[in-house]
N, C-alpha and C. Protein backbone atom coordinates (compact mmCIF):
# COMPACT_ATOMS: atom_id res chain seq x y z
N UNK A 1 138.42 -7.47 -27.06
CA UNK A 1 137.63 -7.20 -25.89
C UNK A 1 136.85 -8.46 -25.52
N UNK A 2 136.84 -8.79 -24.26
CA UNK A 2 136.14 -9.99 -23.83
C UNK A 2 134.80 -9.64 -23.19
N UNK A 3 133.90 -10.59 -23.25
CA UNK A 3 132.60 -10.53 -22.58
C UNK A 3 132.51 -11.72 -21.65
N UNK A 4 131.54 -11.72 -20.80
CA UNK A 4 131.36 -12.83 -19.85
C UNK A 4 130.34 -13.83 -20.38
N UNK A 5 130.71 -15.08 -20.29
CA UNK A 5 129.83 -16.20 -20.62
C UNK A 5 129.44 -16.86 -19.30
N UNK A 6 128.19 -17.18 -19.16
CA UNK A 6 127.68 -17.87 -17.98
C UNK A 6 127.61 -19.36 -18.30
N UNK A 7 128.32 -20.17 -17.53
CA UNK A 7 128.30 -21.62 -17.71
C UNK A 7 127.63 -22.24 -16.50
N UNK A 8 126.75 -23.22 -16.76
CA UNK A 8 126.00 -23.87 -15.70
C UNK A 8 126.17 -25.38 -15.85
N UNK A 9 126.51 -26.04 -14.75
CA UNK A 9 126.63 -27.50 -14.74
C UNK A 9 125.31 -28.06 -14.24
N UNK A 10 124.68 -28.90 -15.05
CA UNK A 10 123.37 -29.43 -14.67
C UNK A 10 123.33 -30.95 -14.86
N UNK A 11 122.54 -31.60 -14.02
CA UNK A 11 122.34 -33.03 -14.15
C UNK A 11 121.61 -33.29 -15.47
N UNK A 12 121.99 -34.36 -16.13
CA UNK A 12 121.37 -34.72 -17.40
C UNK A 12 120.09 -35.53 -17.10
N UNK A 13 119.05 -34.77 -16.71
CA UNK A 13 117.77 -35.41 -16.41
C UNK A 13 116.63 -34.49 -16.81
N UNK A 14 115.50 -35.08 -17.01
CA UNK A 14 114.30 -34.36 -17.47
C UNK A 14 113.98 -33.17 -16.56
N UNK A 15 113.75 -32.02 -17.18
CA UNK A 15 113.31 -30.84 -16.48
C UNK A 15 114.39 -29.96 -15.90
N UNK A 16 115.62 -30.44 -15.85
CA UNK A 16 116.68 -29.65 -15.21
C UNK A 16 117.02 -28.39 -16.01
N UNK A 17 117.07 -28.50 -17.33
CA UNK A 17 117.32 -27.33 -18.16
C UNK A 17 116.22 -26.30 -17.97
N UNK A 18 115.00 -26.76 -17.93
CA UNK A 18 113.86 -25.86 -17.72
C UNK A 18 113.96 -25.12 -16.39
N UNK A 19 114.47 -25.80 -15.37
CA UNK A 19 114.63 -25.17 -14.05
C UNK A 19 115.64 -24.02 -14.13
N UNK A 20 116.73 -24.23 -14.86
CA UNK A 20 117.74 -23.18 -15.03
C UNK A 20 117.11 -21.99 -15.75
N UNK A 21 116.41 -22.27 -16.84
CA UNK A 21 115.80 -21.20 -17.63
C UNK A 21 114.73 -20.46 -16.84
N UNK A 22 114.00 -21.17 -15.97
CA UNK A 22 113.00 -20.51 -15.12
C UNK A 22 113.66 -19.49 -14.19
N UNK A 23 114.79 -19.85 -13.59
CA UNK A 23 115.49 -18.93 -12.68
C UNK A 23 115.89 -17.67 -13.44
N UNK A 24 116.42 -17.84 -14.63
CA UNK A 24 116.83 -16.67 -15.43
C UNK A 24 115.62 -15.82 -15.80
N UNK A 25 114.58 -16.45 -16.27
CA UNK A 25 113.36 -15.73 -16.67
C UNK A 25 112.77 -14.95 -15.50
N UNK A 26 112.65 -15.59 -14.35
CA UNK A 26 112.05 -14.95 -13.17
C UNK A 26 112.85 -13.74 -12.69
N UNK A 27 114.12 -13.67 -13.08
CA UNK A 27 114.98 -12.57 -12.66
C UNK A 27 115.33 -11.61 -13.78
N UNK A 28 114.62 -11.71 -14.91
CA UNK A 28 114.80 -10.77 -16.01
C UNK A 28 116.12 -10.90 -16.74
N UNK A 29 116.73 -12.08 -16.69
CA UNK A 29 117.99 -12.30 -17.41
C UNK A 29 117.65 -12.87 -18.77
N UNK A 30 117.96 -12.12 -19.82
CA UNK A 30 117.62 -12.49 -21.19
C UNK A 30 118.73 -13.30 -21.84
N UNK A 31 118.38 -14.43 -22.42
CA UNK A 31 119.35 -15.29 -23.10
C UNK A 31 119.50 -14.82 -24.54
N UNK A 32 120.74 -14.53 -24.93
CA UNK A 32 121.03 -14.12 -26.31
C UNK A 32 121.53 -15.29 -27.14
N UNK A 33 122.20 -16.24 -26.49
CA UNK A 33 122.68 -17.42 -27.18
C UNK A 33 122.97 -18.49 -26.13
N UNK A 34 122.86 -19.75 -26.57
CA UNK A 34 123.18 -20.84 -25.66
C UNK A 34 123.69 -22.05 -26.41
N UNK A 35 124.48 -22.83 -25.69
CA UNK A 35 125.01 -24.08 -26.20
C UNK A 35 124.93 -25.09 -25.08
N UNK A 36 124.44 -26.28 -25.38
CA UNK A 36 124.34 -27.32 -24.37
C UNK A 36 125.09 -28.55 -24.86
N UNK A 37 126.07 -28.98 -24.09
CA UNK A 37 126.82 -30.20 -24.38
C UNK A 37 126.54 -31.17 -23.25
N UNK A 38 126.38 -32.43 -23.59
CA UNK A 38 126.03 -33.38 -22.54
C UNK A 38 126.98 -34.56 -22.47
N UNK A 39 127.00 -35.17 -21.30
CA UNK A 39 127.64 -36.46 -21.08
C UNK A 39 126.52 -37.36 -20.56
N UNK A 40 126.84 -38.54 -20.17
CA UNK A 40 125.83 -39.46 -19.69
C UNK A 40 125.09 -38.92 -18.47
N UNK A 41 125.82 -38.28 -17.56
CA UNK A 41 125.21 -37.85 -16.31
C UNK A 41 125.05 -36.34 -16.16
N UNK A 42 125.89 -35.55 -16.82
CA UNK A 42 125.86 -34.10 -16.65
C UNK A 42 125.86 -33.38 -17.98
N UNK A 43 125.40 -32.14 -17.92
CA UNK A 43 125.44 -31.28 -19.08
C UNK A 43 126.17 -29.99 -18.74
N UNK A 44 126.74 -29.37 -19.75
CA UNK A 44 127.37 -28.06 -19.59
C UNK A 44 126.60 -27.09 -20.48
N UNK A 45 125.92 -26.17 -19.83
CA UNK A 45 125.13 -25.17 -20.52
C UNK A 45 125.93 -23.88 -20.56
N UNK A 46 126.23 -23.42 -21.77
CA UNK A 46 126.95 -22.16 -21.94
C UNK A 46 125.96 -21.13 -22.45
N UNK A 47 125.95 -19.97 -21.79
CA UNK A 47 124.97 -18.93 -22.11
C UNK A 47 125.63 -17.58 -22.29
N UNK A 48 125.15 -16.85 -23.27
CA UNK A 48 125.44 -15.43 -23.37
C UNK A 48 124.14 -14.74 -22.99
N UNK A 49 124.19 -13.95 -21.94
CA UNK A 49 122.99 -13.30 -21.42
C UNK A 49 123.23 -11.80 -21.28
N UNK A 50 122.15 -11.06 -21.12
CA UNK A 50 122.28 -9.60 -21.03
C UNK A 50 122.90 -9.14 -19.71
N UNK A 51 122.82 -9.94 -18.65
CA UNK A 51 123.40 -9.58 -17.36
C UNK A 51 124.01 -10.83 -16.71
N UNK A 52 125.24 -11.18 -17.10
CA UNK A 52 125.84 -12.43 -16.61
C UNK A 52 126.04 -12.47 -15.09
N UNK A 53 126.40 -11.36 -14.47
CA UNK A 53 126.63 -11.36 -13.03
C UNK A 53 125.33 -11.65 -12.28
N UNK A 54 124.25 -11.04 -12.70
CA UNK A 54 122.95 -11.30 -12.08
C UNK A 54 122.53 -12.74 -12.31
N UNK A 55 122.74 -13.24 -13.51
CA UNK A 55 122.40 -14.63 -13.81
C UNK A 55 123.15 -15.59 -12.91
N UNK A 56 124.44 -15.37 -12.75
CA UNK A 56 125.25 -16.25 -11.88
C UNK A 56 124.77 -16.16 -10.45
N UNK A 57 124.53 -14.96 -9.97
CA UNK A 57 124.07 -14.76 -8.59
C UNK A 57 122.76 -15.51 -8.33
N UNK A 58 121.80 -15.35 -9.23
CA UNK A 58 120.49 -15.96 -9.03
C UNK A 58 120.54 -17.48 -9.17
N UNK A 59 121.34 -17.97 -10.11
CA UNK A 59 121.49 -19.42 -10.26
C UNK A 59 122.18 -20.03 -9.04
N UNK A 60 123.20 -19.37 -8.53
CA UNK A 60 123.89 -19.86 -7.33
C UNK A 60 122.94 -19.90 -6.15
N UNK A 61 122.13 -18.86 -6.01
CA UNK A 61 121.14 -18.81 -4.93
C UNK A 61 120.12 -19.95 -5.04
N UNK A 62 119.86 -20.38 -6.27
CA UNK A 62 118.90 -21.46 -6.51
C UNK A 62 119.57 -22.84 -6.43
N UNK A 63 120.85 -22.88 -6.11
CA UNK A 63 121.54 -24.16 -5.94
C UNK A 63 122.23 -24.73 -7.15
N UNK A 64 122.38 -23.92 -8.21
CA UNK A 64 123.06 -24.39 -9.41
C UNK A 64 124.53 -24.02 -9.36
N UNK A 65 125.38 -24.92 -9.82
CA UNK A 65 126.81 -24.66 -9.93
C UNK A 65 127.06 -23.92 -11.24
N UNK A 66 127.62 -22.72 -11.14
CA UNK A 66 127.84 -21.92 -12.34
C UNK A 66 129.12 -21.13 -12.22
N UNK A 67 129.61 -20.66 -13.35
CA UNK A 67 130.80 -19.81 -13.35
C UNK A 67 130.74 -18.87 -14.53
N UNK A 68 131.52 -17.79 -14.41
CA UNK A 68 131.64 -16.82 -15.49
C UNK A 68 133.01 -16.99 -16.15
N UNK A 69 133.03 -16.99 -17.48
CA UNK A 69 134.27 -17.13 -18.25
C UNK A 69 134.39 -15.99 -19.24
N UNK A 70 135.62 -15.63 -19.55
CA UNK A 70 135.86 -14.62 -20.58
C UNK A 70 135.81 -15.27 -21.95
N UNK A 71 135.00 -14.71 -22.82
CA UNK A 71 134.93 -15.13 -24.22
C UNK A 71 134.92 -13.87 -25.08
N UNK A 72 135.13 -14.05 -26.35
CA UNK A 72 135.03 -12.94 -27.29
C UNK A 72 133.83 -13.16 -28.19
N UNK A 73 133.11 -12.10 -28.47
CA UNK A 73 132.01 -12.16 -29.41
C UNK A 73 132.45 -11.36 -30.62
N UNK A 74 132.61 -12.06 -31.72
CA UNK A 74 133.20 -11.48 -32.92
C UNK A 74 132.11 -11.19 -33.95
N UNK A 75 132.21 -10.04 -34.57
CA UNK A 75 131.28 -9.66 -35.63
C UNK A 75 131.93 -9.98 -36.96
N UNK A 76 131.29 -10.84 -37.74
CA UNK A 76 131.84 -11.24 -39.04
C UNK A 76 130.76 -11.08 -40.10
N UNK A 77 131.16 -10.90 -41.36
CA UNK A 77 130.16 -10.83 -42.43
C UNK A 77 129.37 -12.13 -42.51
N UNK A 78 128.09 -12.02 -42.77
CA UNK A 78 127.22 -13.19 -42.85
C UNK A 78 127.22 -13.71 -44.28
N UNK A 79 128.42 -14.13 -44.75
CA UNK A 79 128.59 -14.67 -46.10
C UNK A 79 129.45 -15.92 -46.03
N UNK A 80 129.28 -16.76 -47.01
CA UNK A 80 130.03 -18.00 -47.08
C UNK A 80 131.54 -17.74 -47.06
N UNK A 81 132.25 -18.48 -46.22
CA UNK A 81 133.71 -18.39 -46.16
C UNK A 81 134.25 -17.44 -45.12
N UNK A 82 133.41 -16.56 -44.55
CA UNK A 82 133.94 -15.58 -43.60
C UNK A 82 134.42 -16.23 -42.30
N UNK A 83 133.72 -17.26 -41.84
CA UNK A 83 134.16 -17.95 -40.63
C UNK A 83 135.49 -18.67 -40.89
N UNK A 84 135.61 -19.31 -42.03
CA UNK A 84 136.86 -20.01 -42.36
C UNK A 84 138.03 -19.04 -42.44
N UNK A 85 137.80 -17.86 -43.01
CA UNK A 85 138.85 -16.84 -43.09
C UNK A 85 139.28 -16.42 -41.68
N UNK A 86 138.34 -16.23 -40.80
CA UNK A 86 138.63 -15.88 -39.42
C UNK A 86 139.45 -16.97 -38.73
N UNK A 87 139.04 -18.22 -38.91
CA UNK A 87 139.74 -19.34 -38.28
C UNK A 87 141.17 -19.48 -38.81
N UNK A 88 141.38 -19.18 -40.08
CA UNK A 88 142.73 -19.23 -40.65
C UNK A 88 143.65 -18.20 -39.98
N UNK A 89 143.11 -17.00 -39.67
CA UNK A 89 143.91 -15.98 -38.98
C UNK A 89 144.36 -16.49 -37.61
N UNK A 90 143.43 -17.10 -36.90
CA UNK A 90 143.73 -17.60 -35.56
C UNK A 90 144.72 -18.77 -35.63
N UNK A 91 144.50 -19.67 -36.59
CA UNK A 91 145.39 -20.82 -36.76
C UNK A 91 146.80 -20.37 -37.12
N UNK A 92 146.90 -19.38 -38.00
CA UNK A 92 148.20 -18.88 -38.43
C UNK A 92 149.00 -18.30 -37.26
N UNK A 93 148.29 -17.77 -36.26
CA UNK A 93 148.93 -17.20 -35.08
C UNK A 93 149.21 -18.27 -34.02
N UNK A 94 149.00 -19.53 -34.39
CA UNK A 94 149.26 -20.68 -33.50
C UNK A 94 148.43 -20.63 -32.22
N UNK A 95 147.13 -20.30 -32.39
CA UNK A 95 146.19 -20.23 -31.28
C UNK A 95 145.16 -21.34 -31.48
N UNK A 96 144.83 -22.03 -30.41
CA UNK A 96 143.83 -23.09 -30.44
C UNK A 96 142.46 -22.53 -30.08
N UNK A 97 141.45 -22.86 -30.87
CA UNK A 97 140.07 -22.52 -30.54
C UNK A 97 139.53 -23.65 -29.66
N UNK A 98 139.17 -23.33 -28.43
CA UNK A 98 138.69 -24.34 -27.50
C UNK A 98 137.23 -24.72 -27.78
N UNK A 99 136.41 -23.76 -28.11
CA UNK A 99 135.03 -24.01 -28.54
C UNK A 99 134.46 -22.74 -29.12
N UNK A 100 133.38 -22.89 -29.84
CA UNK A 100 132.68 -21.72 -30.37
C UNK A 100 131.26 -22.12 -30.70
N UNK A 101 130.39 -21.15 -30.76
CA UNK A 101 129.01 -21.38 -31.15
C UNK A 101 128.46 -20.08 -31.70
N UNK A 102 127.36 -20.18 -32.41
CA UNK A 102 126.81 -19.03 -33.11
C UNK A 102 125.94 -18.16 -32.24
N UNK A 103 125.87 -16.90 -32.65
CA UNK A 103 125.01 -15.92 -32.02
C UNK A 103 124.52 -15.02 -33.14
N UNK A 104 123.27 -15.18 -33.54
CA UNK A 104 122.72 -14.37 -34.63
C UNK A 104 121.65 -13.44 -34.09
N UNK A 105 121.92 -12.16 -34.19
CA UNK A 105 120.99 -11.16 -33.68
C UNK A 105 120.46 -10.30 -34.83
N UNK A 106 121.30 -9.98 -35.77
CA UNK A 106 120.91 -9.14 -36.89
C UNK A 106 120.91 -9.95 -38.18
N UNK A 107 120.15 -9.50 -39.16
CA UNK A 107 120.10 -10.22 -40.43
C UNK A 107 121.36 -10.02 -41.26
N UNK A 108 121.97 -8.84 -41.19
CA UNK A 108 123.13 -8.54 -42.03
C UNK A 108 124.43 -9.05 -41.44
N UNK A 109 124.46 -9.29 -40.14
CA UNK A 109 125.69 -9.71 -39.48
C UNK A 109 125.44 -10.98 -38.69
N UNK A 110 126.47 -11.75 -38.52
CA UNK A 110 126.43 -12.91 -37.64
C UNK A 110 127.45 -12.68 -36.54
N UNK A 111 127.21 -13.27 -35.41
CA UNK A 111 128.11 -13.15 -34.27
C UNK A 111 128.54 -14.54 -33.86
N UNK A 112 129.78 -14.65 -33.43
CA UNK A 112 130.32 -15.93 -33.00
C UNK A 112 130.93 -15.74 -31.62
N UNK A 113 130.62 -16.63 -30.71
CA UNK A 113 131.23 -16.65 -29.39
C UNK A 113 132.42 -17.59 -29.48
N UNK A 114 133.58 -17.13 -29.09
CA UNK A 114 134.80 -17.90 -29.24
C UNK A 114 135.62 -17.88 -27.96
N UNK A 115 136.11 -19.02 -27.56
CA UNK A 115 137.05 -19.12 -26.44
C UNK A 115 138.32 -19.75 -27.00
N UNK A 116 139.44 -19.09 -26.80
CA UNK A 116 140.70 -19.60 -27.32
C UNK A 116 141.65 -19.91 -26.17
N UNK A 117 142.76 -20.49 -26.50
CA UNK A 117 143.77 -20.82 -25.49
C UNK A 117 144.55 -19.60 -25.05
N UNK A 118 144.46 -18.49 -25.78
CA UNK A 118 145.20 -17.28 -25.45
C UNK A 118 144.38 -16.06 -25.87
N UNK A 119 143.56 -15.54 -24.96
CA UNK A 119 142.64 -14.44 -25.27
C UNK A 119 143.38 -13.17 -25.68
N UNK A 120 144.47 -12.85 -25.02
CA UNK A 120 145.20 -11.62 -25.32
C UNK A 120 145.77 -11.67 -26.74
N UNK A 121 146.43 -12.77 -27.07
CA UNK A 121 147.02 -12.92 -28.40
C UNK A 121 145.93 -12.96 -29.47
N UNK A 122 144.83 -13.65 -29.18
CA UNK A 122 143.73 -13.73 -30.15
C UNK A 122 143.17 -12.34 -30.41
N UNK A 123 142.97 -11.56 -29.36
CA UNK A 123 142.44 -10.21 -29.53
C UNK A 123 143.38 -9.35 -30.36
N UNK A 124 144.69 -9.49 -30.15
CA UNK A 124 145.67 -8.74 -30.94
C UNK A 124 145.57 -9.10 -32.42
N UNK A 125 145.49 -10.40 -32.70
CA UNK A 125 145.40 -10.87 -34.09
C UNK A 125 144.12 -10.35 -34.75
N UNK A 126 143.01 -10.46 -34.02
CA UNK A 126 141.74 -10.03 -34.59
C UNK A 126 141.71 -8.52 -34.83
N UNK A 127 142.19 -7.75 -33.87
CA UNK A 127 142.21 -6.30 -34.01
C UNK A 127 143.10 -5.89 -35.18
N UNK A 128 144.25 -6.53 -35.33
CA UNK A 128 145.17 -6.21 -36.42
C UNK A 128 144.57 -6.53 -37.78
N UNK A 129 143.57 -7.42 -37.80
CA UNK A 129 142.95 -7.81 -39.06
C UNK A 129 141.54 -7.24 -39.23
N UNK A 130 141.20 -6.25 -38.41
CA UNK A 130 139.95 -5.54 -38.57
C UNK A 130 138.70 -6.30 -38.17
N UNK A 131 138.85 -7.34 -37.34
CA UNK A 131 137.68 -8.09 -36.87
C UNK A 131 137.12 -7.38 -35.65
N UNK A 132 135.84 -7.03 -35.72
CA UNK A 132 135.18 -6.29 -34.66
C UNK A 132 134.73 -7.22 -33.53
N UNK A 133 134.97 -6.81 -32.30
CA UNK A 133 134.44 -7.56 -31.15
C UNK A 133 133.34 -6.73 -30.51
N UNK A 134 132.52 -7.41 -29.76
CA UNK A 134 131.39 -6.76 -29.10
C UNK A 134 131.74 -6.58 -27.62
N UNK A 135 131.55 -5.37 -27.12
CA UNK A 135 131.85 -5.09 -25.71
C UNK A 135 130.71 -5.58 -24.82
N UNK A 136 130.99 -5.78 -23.54
CA UNK A 136 129.92 -6.15 -22.61
C UNK A 136 128.79 -5.13 -22.59
N UNK A 137 129.11 -3.84 -22.69
CA UNK A 137 128.07 -2.81 -22.70
C UNK A 137 127.18 -2.93 -23.94
N UNK A 138 127.81 -3.15 -25.10
CA UNK A 138 127.03 -3.33 -26.33
C UNK A 138 126.14 -4.57 -26.23
N UNK A 139 126.67 -5.61 -25.63
CA UNK A 139 125.93 -6.85 -25.48
C UNK A 139 124.70 -6.66 -24.60
N UNK A 140 124.85 -5.89 -23.54
CA UNK A 140 123.72 -5.67 -22.64
C UNK A 140 122.60 -4.89 -23.30
N UNK A 141 122.91 -4.13 -24.36
CA UNK A 141 121.89 -3.36 -25.07
C UNK A 141 121.15 -4.17 -26.13
N UNK A 142 121.65 -5.37 -26.42
CA UNK A 142 121.05 -6.19 -27.49
C UNK A 142 119.77 -6.87 -27.00
């Protein structure tokens, strides 16, 4: 099952990240996880939020370039080696992981946001191996 990730392209300059976060805050969009990658001139901010459609709408209205992407949020045991075991399943199925970052909400479980080269095949592999994914509805309740 896929969830929506909000990606925002921002100039790599002082205060620009804060401006994005202000728009989200002012509109009640709660950030659950984020990743920021930068280049010399621009940054790519990836966000998991409680209401991605509202976040995109409000950011677009404020003049920010943003898009929604399908990602999977996987529930894995919060123990050493569990991420490696998960990655081996995906690798064995000849699927490339494009990027991933952590999402920790509970103490007993860890969550990982993952984007692969083939979401359908990845979901099949994960489901066949008992890896739990988080639905958009479950995510909005977090």
